[in-house]
């Protein structure tokens, strides 16, 4: 017999707008790969999707993708190299609680010290503010260089 229970609700799953990937451990080999491949940072959700599942992109200093591969595992890759993955099949989103397995040379190492979090609105705003500050500093430097070149040109 079915009973109507008003306290149970079904809500649709919503993908996070972004994820922050970080390494908090002390293993020098993991740290070296993490830094060399620039794995850490903010991964932003894209408007496109692969098979109905969105993917995320980190653009700086190089393009990296957080996406679900054909095997159904969430991976970090540059689409030619898969650097790390989470176990699990066909999860709708990467887990913030599951460990990541990272490739170190030809060895695979699972570590819970690679953390994936959903950044707060404040953290997202700070990241955008930091990027804007860098752009402003670069514009000031370009203006200074142009000014110096112009002054040198006028003295000739």
C-alpha atoms as a PDB file:
ATOM      1  CA  UNK A   1       0.000   0.000   0.000  1.00  0.00           C
ATOM      2  CA  UNK A   2       1.358   3.381  -1.033  1.00  0.00           C
ATOM      3  CA  UNK A   3       1.303   6.168   1.477  1.00  0.00           C
ATOM      4  CA  UNK A   4       1.575   9.861   0.639  1.00  0.00           C
ATOM      5  CA  UNK A   5       4.494  11.375   2.605  1.00  0.00           C
ATOM      6  CA  UNK A   6       4.740  15.156   2.269  1.00  0.00           C
ATOM      7  CA  UNK A   7       8.214  15.382   3.835  1.00  0.00           C
ATOM      8  CA  UNK A   8       9.873  13.563   0.912  1.00  0.00           C
ATOM      9  CA  UNK A   9      10.658  15.714  -2.106  1.00  0.00           C
ATOM     10  CA  UNK A  10      12.352  15.012  -5.400  1.00  0.00           C
ATOM     11  CA  UNK A  11      14.484  17.857  -6.696  1.00  0.00           C
ATOM     12  CA  UNK A  12      16.482  17.926  -9.895  1.00  0.00           C
ATOM     13  CA  UNK A  13      20.257  17.662  -9.756  1.00  0.00           C
ATOM     14  CA  UNK A  14      22.109  20.877 -10.553  1.00  0.00           C
ATOM     15  CA  UNK A  15      25.756  20.855 -11.563  1.00  0.00           C
ATOM     16  CA  UNK A  16      28.103  23.235  -9.759  1.00  0.00           C
ATOM     17  CA  UNK A  17      29.167  26.347 -11.681  1.00  0.00           C
ATOM     18  CA  UNK A  18      32.800  25.689 -10.802  1.00  0.00           C
ATOM     19  CA  UNK A  19      35.177  23.476  -8.842  1.00  0.00           C
ATOM     20  CA  UNK A  20      38.429  24.272  -7.071  1.00  0.00           C
ATOM     21  CA  UNK A  21      41.106  21.574  -7.280  1.00  0.00           C
ATOM     22  CA  UNK A  22      43.974  21.681  -4.777  1.00  0.00           C
ATOM     23  CA  UNK A  23      46.705  19.464  -3.352  1.00  0.00           C
ATOM     24  CA  UNK A  24      47.216  19.638   0.426  1.00  0.00           C
ATOM     25  CA  UNK A  25      49.623  16.742   0.917  1.00  0.00           C
ATOM     26  CA  UNK A  26      53.379  16.558   1.326  1.00  0.00           C
ATOM     27  CA  UNK A  27      54.329  13.875  -1.217  1.00  0.00           C
ATOM     28  CA  UNK A  28      56.991  15.571  -3.360  1.00  0.00           C
ATOM     29  CA  UNK A  29      56.268  13.408  -6.432  1.00  0.00           C
ATOM     30  CA  UNK A  30      52.556  14.257  -6.398  1.00  0.00           C
ATOM     31  CA  UNK A  31      53.354  17.901  -5.719  1.00  0.00           C
ATOM     32  CA  UNK A  32      55.822  17.963  -8.626  1.00  0.00           C
ATOM     33  CA  UNK A  33      53.272  16.569 -11.118  1.00  0.00           C
ATOM     34  CA  UNK A  34      50.544  18.813  -9.716  1.00  0.00           C
ATOM     35  CA  UNK A  35      52.701  21.911 -10.222  1.00  0.00           C
ATOM     36  CA  UNK A  36      54.362  20.875 -13.502  1.00  0.00           C
ATOM     37  CA  UNK A  37      51.019  20.170 -15.170  1.00  0.00           C
ATOM     38  CA  UNK A  38      49.282  23.124 -13.434  1.00  0.00           C
ATOM     39  CA  UNK A  39      46.470  20.853 -12.256  1.00  0.00           C
ATOM     40  CA  UNK A  40      45.286  23.029  -9.374  1.00  0.00           C
ATOM     41  CA  UNK A  41      42.913  25.932  -9.703  1.00  0.00           C
ATOM     42  CA  UNK A  42      39.393  26.838 -10.727  1.00  0.00           C
ATOM     43  CA  UNK A  43      37.541  24.768 -13.315  1.00  0.00           C
ATOM     44  CA  UNK A  44      34.541  26.634 -14.771  1.00  0.00           C
ATOM     45  CA  UNK A  45      31.419  24.934 -16.154  1.00  0.00           C
ATOM     46  CA  UNK A  46      30.956  25.287 -19.901  1.00  0.00           C
ATOM     47  CA  UNK A  47      27.668  25.784 -21.718  1.00  0.00           C
ATOM     48  CA  UNK A  48      28.339  22.729 -23.861  1.00  0.00           C
ATOM     49  CA  UNK A  49      28.162  19.172 -22.637  1.00  0.00           C
ATOM     50  CA  UNK A  50      29.396  15.727 -23.553  1.00  0.00           C
ATOM     51  CA  UNK A  51      26.517  13.245 -23.687  1.00  0.00           C
ATOM     52  CA  UNK A  52      24.313  15.518 -21.573  1.00  0.00           C
ATOM     53  CA  UNK A  53      26.936  15.950 -18.833  1.00  0.00           C
ATOM     54  CA  UNK A  54      28.661  19.341 -18.570  1.00  0.00           C
ATOM     55  CA  UNK A  55      32.413  19.637 -18.537  1.00  0.00           C
ATOM     56  CA  UNK A  56      34.633  22.180 -16.828  1.00  0.00           C
ATOM     57  CA  UNK A  57      37.645  24.120 -18.136  1.00  0.00           C
ATOM     58  CA  UNK A  58      40.664  25.658 -16.426  1.00  0.00           C
ATOM     59  CA  UNK A  59      42.257  28.147 -18.813  1.00  0.00           C
ATOM     60  CA  UNK A  60      45.400  29.360 -17.084  1.00  0.00           C
ATOM     61  CA  UNK A  61      48.256  28.822 -17.437  1.00  0.00           C
ATOM     62  CA  UNK A  62      47.114  26.131 -19.895  1.00  0.00           C
ATOM     63  CA  UNK A  63      43.819  24.561 -20.885  1.00  0.00           C
ATOM     64  CA  UNK A  64      42.793  21.595 -18.738  1.00  0.00           C
ATOM     65  CA  UNK A  65      39.458  19.812 -18.618  1.00  0.00           C
ATOM     66  CA  UNK A  66      37.461  18.257 -15.796  1.00  0.00           C
ATOM     67  CA  UNK A  67      35.130  15.919 -17.641  1.00  0.00           C
ATOM     68  CA  UNK A  68      33.548  12.493 -17.594  1.00  0.00           C
ATOM     69  CA  UNK A  69      35.329  10.176 -20.024  1.00  0.00           C
ATOM     70  CA  UNK A  70      33.913   7.342 -22.120  1.00  0.00           C
ATOM     71  CA  UNK A  71      34.448   4.895 -19.231  1.00  0.00           C
ATOM     72  CA  UNK A  72      32.270   7.073 -16.998  1.00  0.00           C
ATOM     73  CA  UNK A  73      35.129   8.275 -14.766  1.00  0.00           C
ATOM     74  CA  UNK A  74      35.707  11.935 -13.972  1.00  0.00           C
ATOM     75  CA  UNK A  75      39.155  12.968 -15.189  1.00  0.00           C
ATOM     76  CA  UNK A  76      41.522  15.905 -15.376  1.00  0.00           C
ATOM     77  CA  UNK A  77      43.121  15.998 -18.819  1.00  0.00           C
ATOM     78  CA  UNK A  78      44.269  18.160 -21.676  1.00  0.00           C
ATOM     79  CA  UNK A  79      42.379  15.723 -23.955  1.00  0.00           C
ATOM     80  CA  UNK A  80      45.643  14.158 -25.146  1.00  0.00           C
ATOM     81  CA  UNK A  81      46.915  13.228 -21.664  1.00  0.00           C
ATOM     82  CA  UNK A  82      44.817  12.049 -18.728  1.00  0.00           C
ATOM     83  CA  UNK A  83      46.617  13.230 -15.586  1.00  0.00           C
ATOM     84  CA  UNK A  84      44.251  11.970 -12.909  1.00  0.00           C
ATOM     85  CA  UNK A  85      40.828  10.435 -12.356  1.00  0.00           C
ATOM     86  CA  UNK A  86      38.232   9.447  -9.787  1.00  0.00           C
ATOM     87  CA  UNK A  87      36.909   5.915  -9.543  1.00  0.00           C
ATOM     88  CA  UNK A  88      33.217   5.589 -10.150  1.00  0.00           C
ATOM     89  CA  UNK A  89      30.994   4.828 -13.057  1.00  0.00           C
ATOM     90  CA  UNK A  90      28.650   7.305 -14.642  1.00  0.00           C
ATOM     91  CA  UNK A  91      28.395   9.630 -11.635  1.00  0.00           C
ATOM     92  CA  UNK A  92      26.522  12.805 -12.635  1.00  0.00           C
ATOM     93  CA  UNK A  93      29.302  14.974 -11.182  1.00  0.00           C
ATOM     94  CA  UNK A  94      32.770  14.536  -9.683  1.00  0.00           C
ATOM     95  CA  UNK A  95      32.703  13.673  -6.000  1.00  0.00           C
ATOM     96  CA  UNK A  96      34.110  16.060  -3.431  1.00  0.00           C
ATOM     97  CA  UNK A  97      34.579  13.076  -1.085  1.00  0.00           C
ATOM     98  CA  UNK A  98      36.291  10.495  -3.326  1.00  0.00           C
ATOM     99  CA  UNK A  99      40.067  10.256  -3.659  1.00  0.00           C
ATOM    100  CA  UNK A 100      41.793  11.012  -6.938  1.00  0.00           C
ATOM    101  CA  UNK A 101      44.242   8.695  -8.664  1.00  0.00           C
ATOM    102  CA  UNK A 102      47.141  10.601 -10.219  1.00  0.00           C
ATOM    103  CA  UNK A 103      49.680   9.360 -12.777  1.00  0.00           C
ATOM    104  CA  UNK A 104      53.273   9.765 -11.657  1.00  0.00           C
ATOM    105  CA  UNK A 105      55.368   8.536 -14.570  1.00  0.00           C
ATOM    106  CA  UNK A 106      54.048   5.030 -15.235  1.00  0.00           C
ATOM    107  CA  UNK A 107      52.757   4.630 -11.665  1.00  0.00           C
ATOM    108  CA  UNK A 108      49.225   5.307 -10.457  1.00  0.00           C
ATOM    109  CA  UNK A 109      48.794   6.674  -6.943  1.00  0.00           C
ATOM    110  CA  UNK A 110      45.498   7.234  -5.136  1.00  0.00           C
ATOM    111  CA  UNK A 111      45.480  10.086  -2.641  1.00  0.00           C
ATOM    112  CA  UNK A 112      42.769  11.766  -0.548  1.00  0.00           C
ATOM    113  CA  UNK A 113      44.978  14.868  -0.297  1.00  0.00           C
ATOM    114  CA  UNK A 114      43.893  16.061  -3.723  1.00  0.00           C
ATOM    115  CA  UNK A 115      40.772  17.981  -2.839  1.00  0.00           C
ATOM    116  CA  UNK A 116      37.899  19.078  -5.011  1.00  0.00           C
ATOM    117  CA  UNK A 117      35.589  21.686  -3.544  1.00  0.00           C
ATOM    118  CA  UNK A 118      32.738  23.820  -4.770  1.00  0.00           C
ATOM    119  CA  UNK A 119      33.958  27.375  -4.219  1.00  0.00           C
ATOM    120  CA  UNK A 120      31.768  29.874  -2.446  1.00  0.00           C
ATOM    121  CA  UNK A 121      30.533  32.975  -4.260  1.00  0.00           C
ATOM    122  CA  UNK A 122      33.127  34.963  -2.289  1.00  0.00           C
ATOM    123  CA  UNK A 123      35.982  32.730  -3.506  1.00  0.00           C
ATOM    124  CA  UNK A 124      34.762  33.025  -7.108  1.00  0.00           C
ATOM    125  CA  UNK A 125      34.636  36.831  -6.776  1.00  0.00           C
ATOM    126  CA  UNK A 126      38.156  36.912  -5.275  1.00  0.00           C
ATOM    127  CA  UNK A 127      39.496  34.839  -8.205  1.00  0.00           C
ATOM    128  CA  UNK A 128      37.878  37.256 -10.674  1.00  0.00           C
ATOM    129  CA  UNK A 129      39.244  40.257  -8.734  1.00  0.00           C
ATOM    130  CA  UNK A 130      42.753  38.738  -8.802  1.00  0.00           C
ATOM    131  CA  UNK A 131      42.520  38.212 -12.569  1.00  0.00           C
ATOM    132  CA  UNK A 132      41.304  41.798 -13.062  1.00  0.00           C
ATOM    133  CA  UNK A 133      44.193  43.122 -10.941  1.00  0.00           C
ATOM    134  CA  UNK A 134      46.713  41.187 -13.066  1.00  0.00           C
ATOM    135  CA  UNK A 135      45.181  42.604 -16.256  1.00  0.00           C
ATOM    136  CA  UNK A 136      45.362  46.150 -14.833  1.00  0.00           C
ATOM    137  CA  UNK A 137      49.011  45.719 -13.842  1.00  0.00           C
ATOM    138  CA  UNK A 138      49.847  44.423 -17.323  1.00  0.00           C
ATOM    139  CA  UNK A 139      48.067  47.398 -18.931  1.00  0.00           C
ATOM    140  CA  UNK A 140      50.023  49.831 -16.747  1.00  0.00           C
ATOM    141  CA  UNK A 141      53.292  48.122 -17.707  1.00  0.00           C
ATOM    142  CA  UNK A 142      52.407  48.298 -21.406  1.00  0.00           C
ATOM    143  CA  UNK A 143      51.539  51.993 -21.022  1.00  0.00           C
ATOM    144  CA  UNK A 144      54.899  52.640 -19.330  1.00  0.00           C
ATOM    145  CA  UNK A 145      56.799  50.851 -22.089  1.00  0.00           C
ATOM    146  CA  UNK A 146      54.894  52.755 -24.779  1.00  0.00           C
ATOM    147  CA  UNK A 147      55.586  56.019 -22.926  1.00  0.00           C
ATOM    148  CA  UNK A 148      59.319  55.307 -22.670  1.00  0.00           C
ATOM    149  CA  UNK A 149      59.513  54.348 -26.363  1.00  0.00           C
ATOM    150  CA  UNK A 150      57.624  57.537 -27.270  1.00  0.00           C
ATOM    151  CA  UNK A 151      60.014  59.687 -25.171  1.00  0.00           C
ATOM    152  CA  UNK A 152      63.047  58.036 -26.770  1.00  0.00           C
ATOM    153  CA  UNK A 153      61.527  58.656 -30.199  1.00  0.00           C
ATOM    154  CA  UNK A 154      60.924  62.349 -29.382  1.00  0.00           C
ATOM    155  CA  UNK A 155      64.555  62.838 -28.261  1.00  0.00           C
ATOM    156  CA  UNK A 156      65.902  61.627 -31.627  1.00  0.00           C
END
